[in-house]
C-alpha atoms as a PDB file:
ATOM      1  CA  MET A   1    -119.363 -41.614 -74.039  1.00  0.00           C
ATOM      2  CA  THR A   2    -123.038 -40.766 -74.518  1.00  0.00           C
ATOM      3  CA  LYS A   3    -124.833 -37.518 -75.254  1.00  0.00           C
ATOM      4  CA  ALA A   4    -126.080 -37.557 -71.637  1.00  0.00           C
ATOM      5  CA  ASP A   5    -122.450 -37.815 -70.411  1.00  0.00           C
ATOM      6  CA  VAL A   6    -121.446 -34.809 -72.495  1.00  0.00           C
ATOM      7  CA  ASP A   7    -124.505 -32.732 -71.568  1.00  0.00           C
ATOM      8  CA  ALA A   8    -124.101 -33.446 -67.847  1.00  0.00           C
ATOM      9  CA  SER A   9    -120.380 -32.636 -67.998  1.00  0.00           C
ATOM     10  CA  ILE A  10    -121.110 -29.286 -69.646  1.00  0.00           C
ATOM     11  CA  LYS A  11    -123.790 -28.462 -67.045  1.00  0.00           C
ATOM     12  CA  LEU A  12    -121.465 -29.315 -64.138  1.00  0.00           C
ATOM     13  CA  ALA A  13    -118.572 -27.374 -65.684  1.00  0.00           C
ATOM     14  CA  LYS A  14    -120.845 -24.324 -66.048  1.00  0.00           C
ATOM     15  CA  LEU A  15    -121.916 -24.584 -62.389  1.00  0.00           C
ATOM     16  CA  ALA A  16    -118.317 -25.175 -61.279  1.00  0.00           C
ATOM     17  CA  LYS A  17    -117.354 -21.687 -62.494  1.00  0.00           C
ATOM     18  CA  THR A  18    -119.388 -20.171 -59.684  1.00  0.00           C
ATOM     19  CA  ASN A  19    -119.428 -23.007 -57.140  1.00  0.00           C
ATOM     20  CA  SER A  20    -116.157 -24.340 -55.709  1.00  0.00           C
ATOM     21  CA  GLU A  21    -117.847 -27.453 -54.257  1.00  0.00           C
ATOM     22  CA  ILE A  22    -119.166 -28.517 -57.650  1.00  0.00           C
ATOM     23  CA  ASP A  23    -115.738 -27.751 -59.143  1.00  0.00           C
ATOM     24  CA  LYS A  24    -114.333 -30.645 -57.060  1.00  0.00           C
ATOM     25  CA  PHE A  25    -116.943 -33.194 -58.223  1.00  0.00           C
ATOM     26  CA  SER A  26    -116.047 -36.134 -60.428  1.00  0.00           C
ATOM     27  CA  LEU A  27    -118.800 -37.140 -62.823  1.00  0.00           C
ATOM     28  CA  PHE A  28    -118.138 -40.716 -63.916  1.00  0.00           C
ATOM     29  CA  SER A  29    -121.162 -41.089 -66.173  1.00  0.00           C
ATOM     30  CA  CYS A  30    -124.695 -39.920 -66.820  1.00  0.00           C
ATOM     31  CA  ARG A  31    -127.607 -41.950 -68.152  1.00  0.00           C
ATOM     32  CA  GLU A  32    -130.787 -40.382 -69.435  1.00  0.00           C
ATOM     33  CA  VAL A  33    -133.855 -42.509 -68.729  1.00  0.00           C
ATOM     34  CA  SER A  34    -137.249 -41.241 -69.890  1.00  0.00           C
ATOM     35  CA  GLY A  35    -136.248 -37.599 -69.412  1.00  0.00           C
ATOM     36  CA  ASP A  36    -134.611 -38.128 -66.010  1.00  0.00           C
ATOM     37  CA  PHE A  37    -130.856 -38.139 -65.404  1.00  0.00           C
ATOM     38  CA  VAL A  38    -128.918 -40.716 -63.396  1.00  0.00           C
ATOM     39  CA  LEU A  39    -125.638 -39.095 -62.330  1.00  0.00           C
ATOM     40  CA  TYR A  40    -122.808 -41.426 -61.348  1.00  0.00           C
ATOM     41  CA  LEU A  41    -120.623 -39.612 -58.821  1.00  0.00           C
ATOM     42  CA  SER A  42    -118.206 -40.579 -56.055  1.00  0.00           C
ATOM     43  CA  LYS A  43    -119.629 -41.400 -52.610  1.00  0.00           C
ATOM     44  CA  ALA A  44    -117.922 -38.281 -51.202  1.00  0.00           C
ATOM     45  CA  ASP A  45    -119.559 -36.044 -53.837  1.00  0.00           C
ATOM     46  CA  ILE A  46    -122.996 -37.558 -53.177  1.00  0.00           C
ATOM     47  CA  ASP A  47    -122.543 -37.077 -49.410  1.00  0.00           C
ATOM     48  CA  ILE A  48    -121.750 -33.374 -49.964  1.00  0.00           C
ATOM     49  CA  ILE A  49    -124.841 -32.904 -52.162  1.00  0.00           C
ATOM     50  CA  ARG A  50    -127.111 -34.740 -49.711  1.00  0.00           C
ATOM     51  CA  GLN A  51    -125.989 -32.466 -46.868  1.00  0.00           C
ATOM     52  CA  SER A  52    -127.031 -29.322 -48.734  1.00  0.00           C
ATOM     53  CA  ARG A  53    -130.537 -28.701 -50.079  1.00  0.00           C
ATOM     54  CA  VAL A  54    -129.195 -25.552 -51.781  1.00  0.00           C
ATOM     55  CA  LEU A  55    -126.491 -27.501 -53.610  1.00  0.00           C
ATOM     56  CA  TYR A  56    -128.984 -30.197 -54.626  1.00  0.00           C
ATOM     57  CA  ARG A  57    -131.411 -27.578 -55.972  1.00  0.00           C
ATOM     58  CA  THR A  58    -128.580 -25.833 -57.842  1.00  0.00           C
ATOM     59  CA  LEU A  59    -127.774 -29.105 -59.617  1.00  0.00           C
ATOM     60  CA  GLN A  60    -131.426 -30.059 -60.152  1.00  0.00           C
ATOM     61  CA  ASN A  61    -132.191 -26.674 -61.737  1.00  0.00           C
ATOM     62  CA  GLU A  62    -129.608 -27.314 -64.477  1.00  0.00           C
ATOM     63  CA  PHE A  63    -131.388 -30.428 -65.717  1.00  0.00           C
ATOM     64  CA  SER A  64    -134.701 -30.606 -67.549  1.00  0.00           C
ATOM     65  CA  GLY A  65    -135.715 -33.817 -65.718  1.00  0.00           C
ATOM     66  CA  LYS A  66    -135.227 -35.130 -62.204  1.00  0.00           C
ATOM     67  CA  ILE A  67    -131.678 -36.011 -61.205  1.00  0.00           C
ATOM     68  CA  TRP A  68    -130.884 -39.264 -59.406  1.00  0.00           C
ATOM     69  CA  LEU A  69    -127.542 -39.566 -57.626  1.00  0.00           C
ATOM     70  CA  VAL A  70    -125.832 -42.960 -57.576  1.00  0.00           C
ATOM     71  CA  GLU A  71    -122.357 -44.067 -56.582  1.00  0.00           C
ATOM     72  CA  SER A  72    -120.130 -44.766 -59.554  1.00  0.00           C
ATOM     73  CA  GLU A  73    -118.984 -48.117 -58.133  1.00  0.00           C
ATOM     74  CA  ALA A  74    -122.378 -49.216 -56.787  1.00  0.00           C
ATOM     75  CA  ASN A  75    -123.492 -52.830 -56.981  1.00  0.00           C
ATOM     76  CA  ASP A  76    -127.163 -53.504 -57.781  1.00  0.00           C
ATOM     77  CA  ARG A  77    -128.213 -53.279 -54.125  1.00  0.00           C
ATOM     78  CA  LYS A  78    -126.427 -49.949 -53.508  1.00  0.00           C
ATOM     79  CA  PHE A  79    -127.750 -48.603 -56.824  1.00  0.00           C
ATOM     80  CA  ILE A  80    -131.334 -49.289 -55.698  1.00  0.00           C
ATOM     81  CA  GLU A  81    -130.659 -47.839 -52.220  1.00  0.00           C
ATOM     82  CA  ASP A  82    -129.258 -44.663 -53.811  1.00  0.00           C
ATOM     83  CA  LEU A  83    -132.382 -44.242 -55.951  1.00  0.00           C
ATOM     84  CA  PHE A  84    -134.586 -44.512 -52.850  1.00  0.00           C
ATOM     85  CA  PHE A  85    -132.545 -42.083 -50.720  1.00  0.00           C
ATOM     86  CA  PRO A  86    -133.538 -40.887 -48.082  1.00  0.00           C
ATOM     87  CA  ILE A  87    -136.047 -43.748 -47.694  1.00  0.00           C
ATOM     88  CA  ARG A  88    -134.683 -46.786 -45.862  1.00  0.00           C
ATOM     89  CA  ILE A  89    -134.648 -50.130 -47.664  1.00  0.00           C
ATOM     90  CA  LEU A  90    -135.333 -53.069 -45.339  1.00  0.00           C
ATOM     91  CA  SER A  91    -134.356 -55.824 -47.757  1.00  0.00           C
ATOM     92  CA  ILE A  92    -133.545 -56.568 -51.368  1.00  0.00           C
ATOM     93  CA  ASN A  93    -133.966 -60.178 -52.458  1.00  0.00           C
ATOM     94  CA  VAL A  94    -134.019 -62.078 -55.704  1.00  0.00           C
ATOM     95  CA  VAL A  95    -137.210 -64.095 -56.145  1.00  0.00           C
ATOM     96  CA  TRP A  96    -138.284 -66.449 -58.886  1.00  0.00           C
ATOM     97  CA  VAL A  97    -141.807 -66.176 -60.243  1.00  0.00           C
ATOM     98  CA  PRO A  98    -143.688 -68.748 -62.362  1.00  0.00           C
ATOM     99  CA  GLY A  99    -142.133 -69.187 -65.763  1.00  0.00           C
ATOM    100  CA  GLY A 100    -138.601 -69.051 -64.370  1.00  0.00           C
ATOM    101  CA  ILE A 101    -138.540 -65.261 -64.369  1.00  0.00           C
ATOM    102  CA  GLN A 102    -136.220 -63.579 -61.895  1.00  0.00           C
ATOM    103  CA  LYS A 103    -137.470 -60.498 -60.066  1.00  0.00           C
ATOM    104  CA  THR A 104    -135.756 -58.327 -57.493  1.00  0.00           C
ATOM    105  CA  LYS A 105    -138.040 -57.689 -54.523  1.00  0.00           C
ATOM    106  CA  VAL A 106    -137.410 -54.457 -52.634  1.00  0.00           C
ATOM    107  CA  ILE A 107    -139.049 -53.990 -49.241  1.00  0.00           C
ATOM    108  CA  VAL A 108    -139.229 -50.337 -48.254  1.00  0.00           C
ATOM    109  CA  SER A 109    -139.530 -48.991 -44.703  1.00  0.00           C
ATOM    110  CA  GLY A 110    -142.869 -47.498 -43.716  1.00  0.00           C
ATOM    111  CA  LYS A 111    -146.024 -47.432 -45.756  1.00  0.00           C
ATOM    112  CA  TRP A 112    -147.003 -45.989 -49.082  1.00  0.00           C
ATOM    113  CA  THR A 113    -149.023 -42.796 -49.072  1.00  0.00           C
ATOM    114  CA  ALA A 114    -149.903 -40.324 -51.798  1.00  0.00           C
ATOM    115  CA  LYS A 115    -147.185 -38.064 -50.353  1.00  0.00           C
ATOM    116  CA  PHE A 116    -144.436 -40.691 -50.718  1.00  0.00           C
ATOM    117  CA  PRO A 117    -141.424 -38.596 -51.824  1.00  0.00           C
ATOM    118  CA  ILE A 118    -140.177 -40.912 -54.568  1.00  0.00           C
ATOM    119  CA  ASP A 119    -141.880 -41.804 -57.840  1.00  0.00           C
ATOM    120  CA  ILE A 120    -141.801 -45.587 -57.605  1.00  0.00           C
ATOM    121  CA  ASN A 121    -142.615 -46.084 -61.277  1.00  0.00           C
ATOM    122  CA  LYS A 122    -139.590 -43.992 -62.222  1.00  0.00           C
ATOM    123  CA  VAL A 123    -137.362 -46.096 -59.948  1.00  0.00           C
ATOM    124  CA  ILE A 124    -138.719 -49.313 -61.513  1.00  0.00           C
ATOM    125  CA  ASN A 125    -138.066 -47.917 -65.000  1.00  0.00           C
ATOM    126  CA  ILE A 126    -134.532 -46.668 -64.180  1.00  0.00           C
ATOM    127  CA  VAL A 127    -133.507 -49.997 -62.627  1.00  0.00           C
ATOM    128  CA  LYS A 128    -134.903 -51.868 -65.657  1.00  0.00           C
ATOM    129  CA  GLN A 129    -133.205 -49.566 -68.196  1.00  0.00           C
ATOM    130  CA  VAL A 130    -129.844 -49.181 -66.456  1.00  0.00           C
ATOM    131  CA  ARG A 131    -129.386 -52.512 -64.641  1.00  0.00           C
ATOM    132  CA  GLN A 132    -131.738 -54.788 -66.629  1.00  0.00           C
ATOM    133  CA  LEU A 133    -133.459 -55.862 -63.403  1.00  0.00           C
ATOM    134  CA  ASP A 134    -137.195 -56.325 -62.953  1.00  0.00           C
ATOM    135  CA  ILE A 135    -137.995 -55.004 -59.502  1.00  0.00           C
ATOM    136  CA  VAL A 136    -141.096 -55.360 -57.380  1.00  0.00           C
ATOM    137  CA  ILE A 137    -141.526 -52.803 -54.612  1.00  0.00           C
ATOM    138  CA  GLU A 138    -143.387 -53.621 -51.423  1.00  0.00           C
ATOM    139  CA  PHE A 139    -143.850 -51.571 -48.294  1.00  0.00           C
ATOM    140  CA  GLU A 140    -143.252 -52.809 -44.773  1.00  0.00           C
ATOM    141  CA  ASP A 141    -146.811 -51.863 -43.716  1.00  0.00           C
ATOM    142  CA  SER A 142    -148.676 -52.915 -46.864  1.00  0.00           C
ATOM    143  CA  GLN A 143    -148.438 -54.998 -50.002  1.00  0.00           C
ATOM    144  CA  ARG A 144    -148.719 -52.198 -52.611  1.00  0.00           C
ATOM    145  CA  LYS A 145    -146.486 -52.749 -55.621  1.00  0.00           C
END
């Protein structure tokens, strides 16, 4: 158990006192990555949070950094899809680059704009820290990485 696990558990327990939905959540783990928090929850818990902006904001306000919701049992592909929610992922493929280095190429629906809702550099960092994968992100309508 890490400090992030304990801190997240305390925060959720505090919120659960006044919120019956949060009281039913099962936190499996929490990883802190560069000041952000990756919360591992059940699919059902994540679905409930994603259906309520108020509930999401309530959780987000408890943490000093951005929260990222991922399924506790997620494989690498699902983990990456969860980080990009609600953006649609078109494909995730393993590619080999010169020098025998393996990269995971993620092709995202749409095109990149300054208003893109997800900090791509944070996603790249989280995937590297938590899953030890080097990812390259490309957009369907462009080749920005």
